[in-house]
């Protein structure tokens, strides 16, 4: 089993357990989980995502969304690579001679990029609008309202949102580091920072540096 697949499945199992707990202790408090990283109003680049950028994102999606059947709501706009706050991933960059980047600049996935991300079945969505859908379809809330755990989770996953950060490449363009996340409710989600290496022209996941689950 792949590293990201195992991480994603652990997140599902943990979410299921937490939903059970929430359903049993209604009225005993408010619960909050990990949220997606906050954006500081970055500048959106006019340039399209490059071949290597799309290949790195595809490598993660192909491992994470392994069956290619369930659709994935992917935020159209990337985030800045997290170097502070709860998701600080600076340690994941240690030992790499990094390629310089434009500070405060992010990119957008374009409709024509979707084909490059297969086998993942990606649907590009507006981040802010989809976050509202996540909150409205929170599995914990649905369970408290009487829905079955299975139904609540399936609906929550269907309305969940995934996002990527900008990619940090080394100067040789052999290594890449990227933050990723998925959220489907206050107690439903996971993410982390992936380190990839290019071998024989193909980007492959090498290790996981830091992770979170809710």
N, C-alpha and C. Protein backbone atom coordinates (compact mmCIF):
# COMPACT_ATOMS: atom_id res chain seq x y z
N UNK A 1 0.85 -1.20 0.00
CA UNK A 1 0.00 0.00 0.00
C UNK A 1 0.88 1.24 0.00
N UNK A 2 0.54 2.21 -0.83
CA UNK A 2 1.36 3.41 -0.94
C UNK A 2 1.26 4.27 0.31
N UNK A 3 2.24 5.15 0.47
CA UNK A 3 2.32 6.01 1.64
C UNK A 3 1.13 6.95 1.73
N UNK A 4 0.82 7.64 0.62
CA UNK A 4 -0.31 8.58 0.65
C UNK A 4 -1.64 7.85 0.80
N UNK A 5 -1.76 6.69 0.15
CA UNK A 5 -3.00 5.93 0.26
C UNK A 5 -3.24 5.52 1.71
N UNK A 6 -2.20 5.02 2.36
CA UNK A 6 -2.33 4.61 3.76
C UNK A 6 -2.68 5.80 4.64
N UNK A 7 -2.06 6.94 4.35
CA UNK A 7 -2.33 8.16 5.12
C UNK A 7 -3.79 8.59 4.94
N UNK A 8 -4.27 8.53 3.70
CA UNK A 8 -5.65 8.92 3.43
C UNK A 8 -6.63 7.98 4.11
N UNK A 9 -6.36 6.68 4.05
CA UNK A 9 -7.26 5.71 4.67
C UNK A 9 -7.26 5.84 6.19
N UNK A 10 -6.09 6.15 6.78
CA UNK A 10 -6.06 6.38 8.23
C UNK A 10 -6.94 7.56 8.59
N UNK A 11 -6.91 8.58 7.73
CA UNK A 11 -7.75 9.75 7.98
C UNK A 11 -9.22 9.40 7.94
N UNK A 12 -9.62 8.54 6.99
CA UNK A 12 -11.01 8.11 6.90
C UNK A 12 -11.42 7.35 8.15
N UNK A 13 -10.56 6.40 8.56
CA UNK A 13 -10.87 5.60 9.75
C UNK A 13 -10.99 6.48 10.98
N UNK A 14 -10.09 7.43 11.12
CA UNK A 14 -10.13 8.31 12.28
C UNK A 14 -11.38 9.17 12.24
N UNK A 15 -11.73 9.65 11.03
CA UNK A 15 -12.93 10.46 10.89
C UNK A 15 -14.17 9.68 11.30
N UNK A 16 -14.23 8.41 10.90
CA UNK A 16 -15.36 7.57 11.25
C UNK A 16 -15.49 7.44 12.75
N UNK A 17 -14.37 7.21 13.44
CA UNK A 17 -14.39 7.08 14.89
C UNK A 17 -14.84 8.38 15.53
N UNK A 18 -14.32 9.50 15.06
CA UNK A 18 -14.69 10.78 15.65
C UNK A 18 -16.16 11.10 15.42
N UNK A 19 -16.68 10.73 14.23
CA UNK A 19 -18.09 10.95 13.99
C UNK A 19 -18.94 10.15 14.96
N UNK A 20 -18.49 8.93 15.28
CA UNK A 20 -19.21 8.12 16.26
C UNK A 20 -19.21 8.81 17.62
N UNK A 21 -18.06 9.34 18.01
CA UNK A 21 -17.96 10.03 19.29
C UNK A 21 -18.88 11.24 19.32
N UNK A 22 -18.85 12.02 18.24
CA UNK A 22 -19.69 13.22 18.19
C UNK A 22 -21.16 12.87 18.33
N UNK A 23 -21.57 11.78 17.67
CA UNK A 23 -22.97 11.40 17.72
C UNK A 23 -23.40 10.99 19.12
N UNK A 24 -22.44 10.57 19.96
CA UNK A 24 -22.77 10.12 21.31
C UNK A 24 -22.72 11.23 22.35
N UNK A 25 -22.07 12.34 22.01
CA UNK A 25 -21.88 13.38 23.02
C UNK A 25 -22.43 14.72 22.55
N UNK A 26 -23.55 14.67 21.83
CA UNK A 26 -24.20 15.89 21.36
C UNK A 26 -24.51 16.79 22.56
N UNK A 27 -24.19 18.05 22.41
CA UNK A 27 -24.52 19.03 23.44
C UNK A 27 -23.45 19.20 24.50
N UNK A 28 -22.35 18.46 24.41
CA UNK A 28 -21.31 18.56 25.44
C UNK A 28 -20.15 19.45 25.03
N UNK A 29 -20.31 20.16 23.92
CA UNK A 29 -19.24 21.10 23.54
C UNK A 29 -19.15 21.25 22.05
N UNK A 30 -18.28 22.16 21.64
CA UNK A 30 -18.05 22.41 20.24
C UNK A 30 -16.72 21.79 19.84
N UNK A 31 -16.69 21.24 18.65
CA UNK A 31 -15.49 20.56 18.17
C UNK A 31 -14.98 21.24 16.92
N UNK A 32 -13.67 21.35 16.81
CA UNK A 32 -13.07 21.92 15.61
C UNK A 32 -11.85 21.11 15.22
N UNK A 33 -11.67 20.92 13.90
CA UNK A 33 -10.53 20.17 13.41
C UNK A 33 -9.61 21.07 12.63
N UNK A 34 -8.64 20.42 11.97
CA UNK A 34 -7.69 21.19 11.18
C UNK A 34 -8.39 21.82 10.00
N UNK A 35 -8.12 23.06 9.77
CA UNK A 35 -8.68 23.78 8.64
C UNK A 35 -7.61 23.95 7.58
N UNK A 36 -8.04 24.26 6.36
CA UNK A 36 -7.09 24.50 5.30
C UNK A 36 -6.31 25.77 5.56
N UNK A 37 -5.07 25.85 5.06
CA UNK A 37 -4.22 26.98 5.36
C UNK A 37 -4.83 28.30 4.90
N UNK A 38 -4.68 29.32 5.71
CA UNK A 38 -5.22 30.63 5.35
C UNK A 38 -4.34 31.29 4.30
N UNK A 39 -4.97 31.97 3.38
CA UNK A 39 -4.24 32.66 2.33
C UNK A 39 -4.07 34.13 2.67
N UNK A 40 -2.91 34.69 2.34
CA UNK A 40 -2.64 36.10 2.62
C UNK A 40 -2.78 36.93 1.35
N UNK A 41 -3.82 36.69 0.58
CA UNK A 41 -4.08 37.41 -0.64
C UNK A 41 -2.87 37.44 -1.57
N UNK A 42 -2.40 36.29 -2.01
CA UNK A 42 -1.24 36.25 -2.91
C UNK A 42 -1.61 36.75 -4.31
N UNK A 43 -0.59 37.03 -5.08
CA UNK A 43 -0.79 37.44 -6.47
C UNK A 43 -0.91 36.18 -7.33
N UNK A 44 -1.88 36.17 -8.23
CA UNK A 44 -2.09 35.02 -9.11
C UNK A 44 -1.30 35.22 -10.40
N UNK A 45 -0.45 34.26 -10.72
CA UNK A 45 0.37 34.35 -11.92
C UNK A 45 -0.48 34.26 -13.18
N UNK A 46 -0.06 34.97 -14.21
CA UNK A 46 -0.72 34.87 -15.51
C UNK A 46 -0.24 33.65 -16.29
N UNK A 47 0.85 33.05 -15.84
CA UNK A 47 1.41 31.91 -16.54
C UNK A 47 0.67 30.62 -16.21
N UNK A 48 0.56 29.77 -17.20
CA UNK A 48 -0.04 28.45 -16.99
C UNK A 48 0.91 27.57 -16.18
N UNK A 49 0.36 26.58 -15.53
CA UNK A 49 1.19 25.61 -14.83
C UNK A 49 2.04 24.85 -15.85
N UNK A 50 3.31 24.62 -15.50
CA UNK A 50 4.22 23.95 -16.41
C UNK A 50 4.06 22.43 -16.39
N UNK A 51 4.74 21.79 -17.30
CA UNK A 51 4.65 20.33 -17.44
C UNK A 51 5.09 19.64 -16.15
N UNK A 52 6.20 20.07 -15.56
CA UNK A 52 6.67 19.43 -14.33
C UNK A 52 5.73 19.70 -13.17
N UNK A 53 5.18 20.89 -13.09
CA UNK A 53 4.23 21.19 -12.01
C UNK A 53 3.01 20.28 -12.09
N UNK A 54 2.44 20.17 -13.28
CA UNK A 54 1.27 19.30 -13.45
C UNK A 54 1.63 17.84 -13.19
N UNK A 55 2.83 17.44 -13.57
CA UNK A 55 3.24 16.05 -13.36
C UNK A 55 3.39 15.73 -11.87
N UNK A 56 3.89 16.70 -11.10
CA UNK A 56 4.01 16.50 -9.66
C UNK A 56 2.62 16.38 -9.02
N UNK A 57 1.72 17.28 -9.37
CA UNK A 57 0.37 17.21 -8.82
C UNK A 57 -0.31 15.90 -9.23
N UNK A 58 -0.10 15.49 -10.45
CA UNK A 58 -0.68 14.23 -10.93
C UNK A 58 -0.15 13.05 -10.13
N UNK A 59 1.15 13.07 -9.84
CA UNK A 59 1.75 11.95 -9.10
C UNK A 59 1.10 11.78 -7.74
N UNK A 60 0.79 12.89 -7.08
CA UNK A 60 0.14 12.81 -5.78
C UNK A 60 -1.30 12.35 -5.92
N UNK A 61 -2.02 12.93 -6.87
CA UNK A 61 -3.42 12.55 -7.07
C UNK A 61 -3.55 11.09 -7.48
N UNK A 62 -2.66 10.62 -8.31
CA UNK A 62 -2.73 9.23 -8.78
C UNK A 62 -2.52 8.25 -7.64
N UNK A 63 -1.77 8.67 -6.62
CA UNK A 63 -1.52 7.82 -5.46
C UNK A 63 -2.62 7.98 -4.43
N UNK A 64 -3.05 9.21 -4.23
CA UNK A 64 -4.03 9.54 -3.20
C UNK A 64 -5.43 9.10 -3.62
N UNK A 65 -5.88 9.55 -4.80
CA UNK A 65 -7.18 9.16 -5.33
C UNK A 65 -6.97 7.97 -6.25
N UNK A 66 -6.63 6.84 -5.65
CA UNK A 66 -6.07 5.72 -6.37
C UNK A 66 -7.01 5.01 -7.32
N UNK A 67 -8.34 5.05 -7.08
CA UNK A 67 -9.21 4.29 -7.97
C UNK A 67 -9.66 5.08 -9.19
N UNK A 68 -9.53 6.39 -9.17
CA UNK A 68 -9.90 7.20 -10.33
C UNK A 68 -11.39 7.26 -10.58
N UNK A 69 -12.21 6.75 -9.66
CA UNK A 69 -13.66 6.72 -9.87
C UNK A 69 -14.36 7.83 -9.11
N UNK A 70 -14.05 7.98 -7.85
CA UNK A 70 -14.69 9.01 -7.05
C UNK A 70 -14.17 10.38 -7.48
N UNK A 71 -15.08 11.31 -7.74
CA UNK A 71 -14.66 12.64 -8.16
C UNK A 71 -14.06 13.39 -6.98
N UNK A 72 -13.15 14.29 -7.29
CA UNK A 72 -12.45 15.06 -6.28
C UNK A 72 -12.62 16.54 -6.59
N UNK A 73 -13.13 17.29 -5.62
CA UNK A 73 -13.24 18.74 -5.78
C UNK A 73 -11.88 19.35 -5.45
N UNK A 74 -11.23 19.93 -6.44
CA UNK A 74 -9.90 20.49 -6.27
C UNK A 74 -9.95 22.01 -6.39
N UNK A 75 -9.40 22.70 -5.39
CA UNK A 75 -9.37 24.16 -5.42
C UNK A 75 -8.62 24.64 -6.66
N UNK A 76 -9.24 25.53 -7.39
CA UNK A 76 -8.64 26.03 -8.62
C UNK A 76 -7.32 26.74 -8.36
N UNK A 77 -7.24 27.46 -7.27
CA UNK A 77 -6.04 28.25 -6.98
C UNK A 77 -5.15 27.52 -5.99
N UNK A 78 -3.86 27.51 -6.26
CA UNK A 78 -2.90 26.92 -5.31
C UNK A 78 -2.70 27.87 -4.13
N UNK A 79 -2.14 27.33 -3.05
CA UNK A 79 -1.75 28.13 -1.89
C UNK A 79 -0.25 28.42 -1.96
N UNK A 80 0.17 29.42 -1.22
CA UNK A 80 1.60 29.61 -1.03
C UNK A 80 2.16 28.42 -0.25
N UNK A 81 3.40 28.04 -0.52
CA UNK A 81 4.00 26.97 0.26
C UNK A 81 4.08 27.43 1.72
N UNK A 82 3.56 26.62 2.66
CA UNK A 82 3.48 27.07 4.06
C UNK A 82 4.83 27.12 4.76
N UNK A 83 5.21 28.30 5.19
CA UNK A 83 6.48 28.46 5.92
C UNK A 83 6.24 29.10 7.29
N UNK A 84 5.00 29.11 7.74
CA UNK A 84 4.69 29.56 9.09
C UNK A 84 3.32 29.01 9.48
N UNK A 85 2.90 29.29 10.68
CA UNK A 85 1.59 28.84 11.14
C UNK A 85 1.54 27.35 11.45
N UNK A 86 0.32 26.84 11.55
CA UNK A 86 0.11 25.45 11.95
C UNK A 86 0.67 24.44 10.95
N UNK A 87 0.78 24.84 9.69
CA UNK A 87 1.23 23.90 8.65
C UNK A 87 2.65 24.19 8.18
N UNK A 88 3.42 24.88 8.99
CA UNK A 88 4.79 25.26 8.64
C UNK A 88 5.58 24.04 8.15
N UNK A 89 6.06 24.11 6.91
CA UNK A 89 6.76 22.96 6.30
C UNK A 89 8.19 23.29 5.92
N UNK A 90 8.77 24.30 6.54
CA UNK A 90 10.13 24.69 6.21
C UNK A 90 11.12 23.55 6.42
N UNK A 91 10.91 22.75 7.46
CA UNK A 91 11.85 21.66 7.73
C UNK A 91 11.90 20.66 6.57
N UNK A 92 10.84 20.57 5.81
CA UNK A 92 10.79 19.62 4.69
C UNK A 92 11.70 20.05 3.54
N UNK A 93 12.15 21.30 3.57
CA UNK A 93 13.00 21.83 2.50
C UNK A 93 14.48 21.71 2.82
N UNK A 94 14.79 21.27 4.02
CA UNK A 94 16.19 21.21 4.44
C UNK A 94 16.99 20.25 3.55
N UNK A 95 18.21 20.68 3.24
CA UNK A 95 19.10 19.84 2.44
C UNK A 95 18.93 20.02 0.95
N UNK A 96 17.94 20.84 0.52
CA UNK A 96 17.70 21.06 -0.91
C UNK A 96 18.22 22.43 -1.33
N UNK A 97 18.90 22.46 -2.45
CA UNK A 97 19.34 23.73 -3.04
C UNK A 97 18.19 24.23 -3.90
N UNK A 98 17.34 25.07 -3.32
CA UNK A 98 16.06 25.39 -3.93
C UNK A 98 16.16 26.36 -5.10
N UNK A 99 15.32 26.11 -6.08
CA UNK A 99 15.14 27.02 -7.20
C UNK A 99 14.45 28.28 -6.68
N UNK A 100 14.90 29.47 -7.06
CA UNK A 100 14.23 30.69 -6.58
C UNK A 100 12.82 30.80 -7.13
N UNK A 101 11.95 31.41 -6.34
CA UNK A 101 10.56 31.60 -6.76
C UNK A 101 10.17 33.06 -6.54
N UNK A 102 9.11 33.48 -7.21
CA UNK A 102 8.55 34.81 -6.98
C UNK A 102 7.78 34.77 -5.67
N UNK A 103 8.16 35.62 -4.74
CA UNK A 103 7.50 35.64 -3.45
C UNK A 103 6.04 36.08 -3.59
N UNK A 104 5.16 35.38 -2.88
CA UNK A 104 3.76 35.77 -2.84
C UNK A 104 2.98 35.50 -4.09
N UNK A 105 3.47 34.61 -4.98
CA UNK A 105 2.80 34.32 -6.24
C UNK A 105 2.28 32.89 -6.26
N UNK A 106 1.04 32.71 -6.69
CA UNK A 106 0.43 31.39 -6.82
C UNK A 106 -0.08 31.21 -8.25
N UNK A 107 -0.61 30.03 -8.54
CA UNK A 107 -1.11 29.71 -9.88
C UNK A 107 -2.55 29.22 -9.82
N UNK A 108 -3.15 29.14 -10.97
CA UNK A 108 -4.49 28.57 -11.11
C UNK A 108 -4.43 27.32 -12.00
N UNK A 109 -5.19 26.31 -11.60
CA UNK A 109 -5.43 25.20 -12.51
C UNK A 109 -6.45 25.69 -13.53
N UNK A 110 -6.22 25.38 -14.78
CA UNK A 110 -7.13 25.78 -15.85
C UNK A 110 -7.90 24.55 -16.32
N UNK A 111 -9.06 24.75 -16.94
CA UNK A 111 -9.85 23.60 -17.41
C UNK A 111 -9.04 22.63 -18.27
N UNK A 112 -8.12 23.19 -19.09
CA UNK A 112 -7.34 22.32 -19.96
C UNK A 112 -6.30 21.50 -19.19
N UNK A 113 -6.06 21.84 -17.91
CA UNK A 113 -5.11 21.08 -17.08
C UNK A 113 -5.70 19.77 -16.56
N UNK A 114 -7.02 19.68 -16.53
CA UNK A 114 -7.68 18.53 -15.90
C UNK A 114 -7.24 17.22 -16.54
N UNK A 115 -7.13 17.21 -17.87
CA UNK A 115 -6.73 15.98 -18.56
C UNK A 115 -5.34 15.53 -18.12
N UNK A 116 -4.48 16.48 -17.74
CA UNK A 116 -3.11 16.14 -17.33
C UNK A 116 -3.06 15.54 -15.93
N UNK A 117 -4.16 15.63 -15.18
CA UNK A 117 -4.20 15.14 -13.80
C UNK A 117 -4.79 13.75 -13.66
N UNK A 118 -5.26 13.17 -14.76
CA UNK A 118 -5.82 11.82 -14.70
C UNK A 118 -4.74 10.82 -14.30
N UNK A 119 -5.09 9.72 -13.60
CA UNK A 119 -6.41 9.11 -13.52
C UNK A 119 -7.36 9.70 -12.48
N UNK A 120 -6.93 10.68 -11.69
CA UNK A 120 -7.86 11.29 -10.73
C UNK A 120 -8.99 11.98 -11.48
N UNK A 121 -10.19 11.82 -10.98
CA UNK A 121 -11.37 12.44 -11.58
C UNK A 121 -11.59 13.79 -10.91
N UNK A 122 -10.97 14.83 -11.47
CA UNK A 122 -10.91 16.14 -10.82
C UNK A 122 -12.00 17.07 -11.32
N UNK A 123 -12.58 17.78 -10.37
CA UNK A 123 -13.53 18.86 -10.67
C UNK A 123 -12.98 20.12 -10.03
N UNK A 124 -12.66 21.12 -10.83
CA UNK A 124 -12.10 22.36 -10.31
C UNK A 124 -13.21 23.21 -9.69
N UNK A 125 -12.94 23.72 -8.48
CA UNK A 125 -13.95 24.48 -7.75
C UNK A 125 -13.35 25.74 -7.14
N UNK A 126 -14.21 26.71 -6.90
CA UNK A 126 -13.81 27.91 -6.17
C UNK A 126 -13.62 27.55 -4.70
N UNK A 127 -12.49 27.91 -4.14
CA UNK A 127 -12.14 27.52 -2.76
C UNK A 127 -13.18 28.01 -1.75
N UNK A 128 -13.49 29.29 -1.79
CA UNK A 128 -14.39 29.86 -0.79
C UNK A 128 -15.78 29.25 -0.88
N UNK A 129 -16.30 29.09 -2.10
CA UNK A 129 -17.64 28.52 -2.27
C UNK A 129 -17.69 27.07 -1.80
N UNK A 130 -16.64 26.30 -2.11
CA UNK A 130 -16.65 24.89 -1.72
C UNK A 130 -16.46 24.71 -0.23
N UNK A 131 -15.73 25.61 0.42
CA UNK A 131 -15.59 25.53 1.88
C UNK A 131 -16.96 25.67 2.54
N UNK A 132 -17.83 26.48 1.98
CA UNK A 132 -19.19 26.61 2.51
C UNK A 132 -19.96 25.30 2.32
N UNK A 133 -19.74 24.64 1.17
CA UNK A 133 -20.38 23.35 0.93
C UNK A 133 -19.88 22.32 1.94
N UNK A 134 -18.60 22.37 2.25
CA UNK A 134 -18.02 21.46 3.26
C UNK A 134 -18.73 21.65 4.59
N UNK A 135 -18.85 22.90 5.02
CA UNK A 135 -19.48 23.19 6.31
C UNK A 135 -20.95 22.78 6.33
N UNK A 136 -21.64 22.98 5.20
CA UNK A 136 -23.06 22.62 5.13
C UNK A 136 -23.30 21.13 5.10
N UNK A 137 -22.27 20.36 4.71
CA UNK A 137 -22.41 18.91 4.59
C UNK A 137 -21.46 18.17 5.52
N UNK A 138 -21.13 18.79 6.63
CA UNK A 138 -20.24 18.20 7.62
C UNK A 138 -20.83 16.88 8.13
N UNK A 139 -20.08 15.76 8.02
CA UNK A 139 -20.61 14.47 8.48
C UNK A 139 -21.03 14.48 9.95
N UNK A 140 -20.26 15.17 10.81
CA UNK A 140 -20.62 15.21 12.22
C UNK A 140 -21.98 15.86 12.43
N UNK A 141 -22.24 16.92 11.70
CA UNK A 141 -23.53 17.61 11.79
C UNK A 141 -24.65 16.71 11.30
N UNK A 142 -24.40 16.00 10.18
CA UNK A 142 -25.42 15.11 9.62
C UNK A 142 -25.75 13.97 10.57
N UNK A 143 -24.73 13.44 11.25
CA UNK A 143 -24.97 12.35 12.20
C UNK A 143 -25.80 12.84 13.37
N UNK A 144 -25.51 14.04 13.86
CA UNK A 144 -26.30 14.61 14.96
C UNK A 144 -27.75 14.83 14.56
N UNK A 145 -27.97 14.99 13.25
CA UNK A 145 -29.33 15.19 12.74
C UNK A 145 -30.04 13.89 12.44
N UNK A 146 -29.36 12.75 12.69
CA UNK A 146 -30.01 11.46 12.56
C UNK A 146 -29.62 10.64 11.35
N UNK A 147 -28.73 11.14 10.49
CA UNK A 147 -28.33 10.37 9.32
C UNK A 147 -27.35 9.26 9.73
N UNK A 148 -27.34 8.19 8.94
CA UNK A 148 -26.42 7.09 9.25
C UNK A 148 -24.99 7.55 9.03
N UNK A 149 -24.06 6.89 9.70
CA UNK A 149 -22.65 7.25 9.58
C UNK A 149 -22.17 7.09 8.14
N UNK A 150 -22.54 5.97 7.51
CA UNK A 150 -22.11 5.71 6.14
C UNK A 150 -22.62 6.79 5.19
N UNK A 151 -23.90 7.11 5.31
CA UNK A 151 -24.49 8.13 4.44
C UNK A 151 -23.86 9.49 4.68
N UNK A 152 -23.64 9.82 5.94
CA UNK A 152 -23.07 11.12 6.28
C UNK A 152 -21.65 11.26 5.74
N UNK A 153 -20.85 10.18 5.86
CA UNK A 153 -19.48 10.23 5.38
C UNK A 153 -19.41 10.30 3.86
N UNK A 154 -20.23 9.51 3.20
CA UNK A 154 -20.24 9.53 1.74
C UNK A 154 -20.61 10.92 1.22
N UNK A 155 -21.62 11.51 1.82
CA UNK A 155 -22.03 12.84 1.40
C UNK A 155 -20.95 13.88 1.72
N UNK A 156 -20.33 13.71 2.90
CA UNK A 156 -19.26 14.63 3.28
C UNK A 156 -18.09 14.56 2.32
N UNK A 157 -17.67 13.35 1.95
CA UNK A 157 -16.55 13.19 1.02
C UNK A 157 -16.90 13.78 -0.34
N UNK A 158 -18.15 13.59 -0.77
CA UNK A 158 -18.57 14.10 -2.08
C UNK A 158 -18.51 15.62 -2.15
N UNK A 159 -18.67 16.27 -1.00
CA UNK A 159 -18.65 17.74 -0.95
C UNK A 159 -17.33 18.28 -0.41
N UNK A 160 -16.38 17.39 -0.14
CA UNK A 160 -15.10 17.82 0.41
C UNK A 160 -14.27 18.60 -0.60
N UNK A 161 -13.18 19.17 -0.13
CA UNK A 161 -12.30 19.94 -1.01
C UNK A 161 -10.85 19.58 -0.77
N UNK A 162 -10.11 19.43 -1.85
CA UNK A 162 -8.68 19.19 -1.81
C UNK A 162 -7.96 20.43 -2.31
N UNK A 163 -6.75 20.62 -1.87
CA UNK A 163 -5.97 21.76 -2.34
C UNK A 163 -4.49 21.42 -2.34
N UNK A 164 -3.74 22.16 -3.13
CA UNK A 164 -2.30 22.02 -3.21
C UNK A 164 -1.64 23.37 -2.94
N UNK A 165 -0.41 23.29 -2.46
CA UNK A 165 0.40 24.50 -2.37
C UNK A 165 1.20 24.65 -3.66
N UNK A 166 1.89 25.76 -3.77
CA UNK A 166 2.90 25.90 -4.80
C UNK A 166 3.97 24.83 -4.56
N UNK A 167 4.66 24.44 -5.61
CA UNK A 167 5.70 23.42 -5.51
C UNK A 167 7.06 24.10 -5.37
N UNK A 168 7.88 23.59 -4.47
CA UNK A 168 9.26 24.05 -4.37
C UNK A 168 10.16 23.00 -5.00
N UNK A 169 10.80 23.38 -6.10
CA UNK A 169 11.74 22.50 -6.80
C UNK A 169 13.17 22.83 -6.37
N UNK A 170 14.04 21.83 -6.44
CA UNK A 170 15.44 22.16 -6.29
C UNK A 170 15.96 22.64 -7.65
N UNK A 171 17.18 23.20 -7.65
CA UNK A 171 17.71 23.80 -8.87
C UNK A 171 17.94 22.78 -9.98
N UNK A 172 18.15 21.53 -9.61
CA UNK A 172 18.35 20.49 -10.62
C UNK A 172 17.02 19.98 -11.19
N UNK A 173 15.93 20.39 -10.59
CA UNK A 173 14.58 19.93 -10.98
C UNK A 173 14.46 18.42 -10.89
N UNK A 174 15.13 17.86 -9.88
CA UNK A 174 15.03 16.42 -9.63
C UNK A 174 14.17 16.16 -8.40
N UNK A 175 14.13 17.13 -7.47
CA UNK A 175 13.33 16.98 -6.25
C UNK A 175 12.25 18.06 -6.21
N UNK A 176 11.11 17.70 -5.63
CA UNK A 176 10.00 18.63 -5.49
C UNK A 176 9.32 18.40 -4.15
N UNK A 177 8.89 19.50 -3.53
CA UNK A 177 8.21 19.43 -2.24
C UNK A 177 6.90 20.20 -2.36
N UNK A 178 5.81 19.60 -1.91
CA UNK A 178 4.51 20.24 -2.05
C UNK A 178 3.60 19.87 -0.87
N UNK A 179 2.85 20.84 -0.40
CA UNK A 179 1.86 20.60 0.66
C UNK A 179 0.52 20.28 0.00
N UNK A 180 -0.22 19.35 0.58
CA UNK A 180 -1.55 19.00 0.05
C UNK A 180 -2.51 18.80 1.22
N UNK A 181 -3.78 18.91 0.97
CA UNK A 181 -4.76 18.70 2.03
C UNK A 181 -6.12 18.36 1.47
N UNK A 182 -6.94 17.76 2.32
CA UNK A 182 -8.33 17.43 1.98
C UNK A 182 -9.16 17.65 3.23
N UNK A 183 -10.29 18.34 3.09
CA UNK A 183 -11.19 18.58 4.23
C UNK A 183 -12.61 18.31 3.81
N UNK A 184 -13.33 17.55 4.65
CA UNK A 184 -14.74 17.27 4.38
C UNK A 184 -15.60 17.54 5.62
N UNK A 185 -15.07 18.28 6.58
CA UNK A 185 -15.83 18.62 7.78
C UNK A 185 -14.89 19.01 8.89
N UNK A 186 -15.48 19.45 10.01
CA UNK A 186 -14.65 19.89 11.13
C UNK A 186 -13.85 18.75 11.74
N UNK A 187 -14.33 17.52 11.61
CA UNK A 187 -13.62 16.35 12.12
C UNK A 187 -13.39 15.35 11.00
N UNK A 188 -13.12 15.84 9.82
CA UNK A 188 -13.00 14.97 8.65
C UNK A 188 -12.00 15.59 7.68
N UNK A 189 -10.78 15.07 7.67
CA UNK A 189 -9.79 15.58 6.74
C UNK A 189 -8.39 15.14 7.09
N UNK A 190 -7.47 15.33 6.17
CA UNK A 190 -6.06 15.04 6.42
C UNK A 190 -5.21 15.70 5.36
N UNK A 191 -3.92 15.73 5.59
CA UNK A 191 -3.02 16.33 4.63
C UNK A 191 -1.59 16.21 5.12
N UNK A 192 -0.68 16.82 4.39
CA UNK A 192 0.72 16.77 4.77
C UNK A 192 1.60 17.37 3.70
N UNK A 193 2.87 17.11 3.80
CA UNK A 193 3.84 17.60 2.83
C UNK A 193 4.54 16.41 2.19
N UNK A 194 4.53 16.36 0.87
CA UNK A 194 5.12 15.24 0.14
C UNK A 194 6.43 15.66 -0.51
N UNK A 195 7.39 14.74 -0.52
CA UNK A 195 8.66 14.96 -1.19
C UNK A 195 8.75 13.96 -2.34
N UNK A 196 8.95 14.50 -3.54
CA UNK A 196 9.00 13.66 -4.74
C UNK A 196 10.36 13.77 -5.42
N UNK A 197 10.66 12.74 -6.21
CA UNK A 197 11.92 12.72 -6.96
C UNK A 197 11.62 12.28 -8.39
N UNK A 198 12.33 12.88 -9.32
CA UNK A 198 12.14 12.54 -10.72
C UNK A 198 13.11 11.44 -11.12
N UNK A 199 12.55 10.31 -11.55
CA UNK A 199 13.35 9.16 -11.95
C UNK A 199 12.97 8.75 -13.36
N UNK A 200 13.94 8.72 -14.25
CA UNK A 200 13.69 8.35 -15.64
C UNK A 200 12.53 9.14 -16.25
N UNK A 201 12.50 10.43 -15.92
CA UNK A 201 11.49 11.30 -16.49
C UNK A 201 10.14 11.26 -15.82
N UNK A 202 10.01 10.50 -14.73
CA UNK A 202 8.72 10.35 -14.05
C UNK A 202 8.84 10.77 -12.58
N UNK A 203 7.89 11.58 -12.11
CA UNK A 203 7.88 12.01 -10.72
C UNK A 203 7.27 10.93 -9.83
N UNK A 204 8.01 10.59 -8.76
CA UNK A 204 7.56 9.55 -7.85
C UNK A 204 7.65 10.04 -6.41
N UNK A 205 6.66 9.66 -5.62
CA UNK A 205 6.66 10.00 -4.20
C UNK A 205 7.78 9.26 -3.49
N UNK A 206 8.60 10.02 -2.74
CA UNK A 206 9.70 9.42 -2.02
C UNK A 206 9.47 9.36 -0.52
N UNK A 207 8.88 10.39 0.03
CA UNK A 207 8.66 10.40 1.47
C UNK A 207 7.59 11.41 1.84
N UNK A 208 7.13 11.28 3.07
CA UNK A 208 6.13 12.17 3.64
C UNK A 208 6.81 12.95 4.76
N UNK A 209 6.69 14.28 4.75
CA UNK A 209 7.33 15.11 5.76
C UNK A 209 6.25 15.90 6.49
N UNK A 210 5.85 15.39 7.63
CA UNK A 210 4.80 16.08 8.38
C UNK A 210 3.42 15.73 7.84
N UNK A 211 2.47 15.62 8.72
CA UNK A 211 1.10 15.31 8.32
C UNK A 211 0.13 15.80 9.38
N UNK A 212 -1.15 15.92 9.01
CA UNK A 212 -2.18 16.28 9.97
C UNK A 212 -3.44 15.49 9.65
N UNK A 213 -4.22 15.25 10.67
CA UNK A 213 -5.51 14.58 10.52
C UNK A 213 -6.50 15.25 11.45
N UNK A 214 -7.76 15.23 11.06
CA UNK A 214 -8.80 15.77 11.94
C UNK A 214 -10.00 14.85 11.94
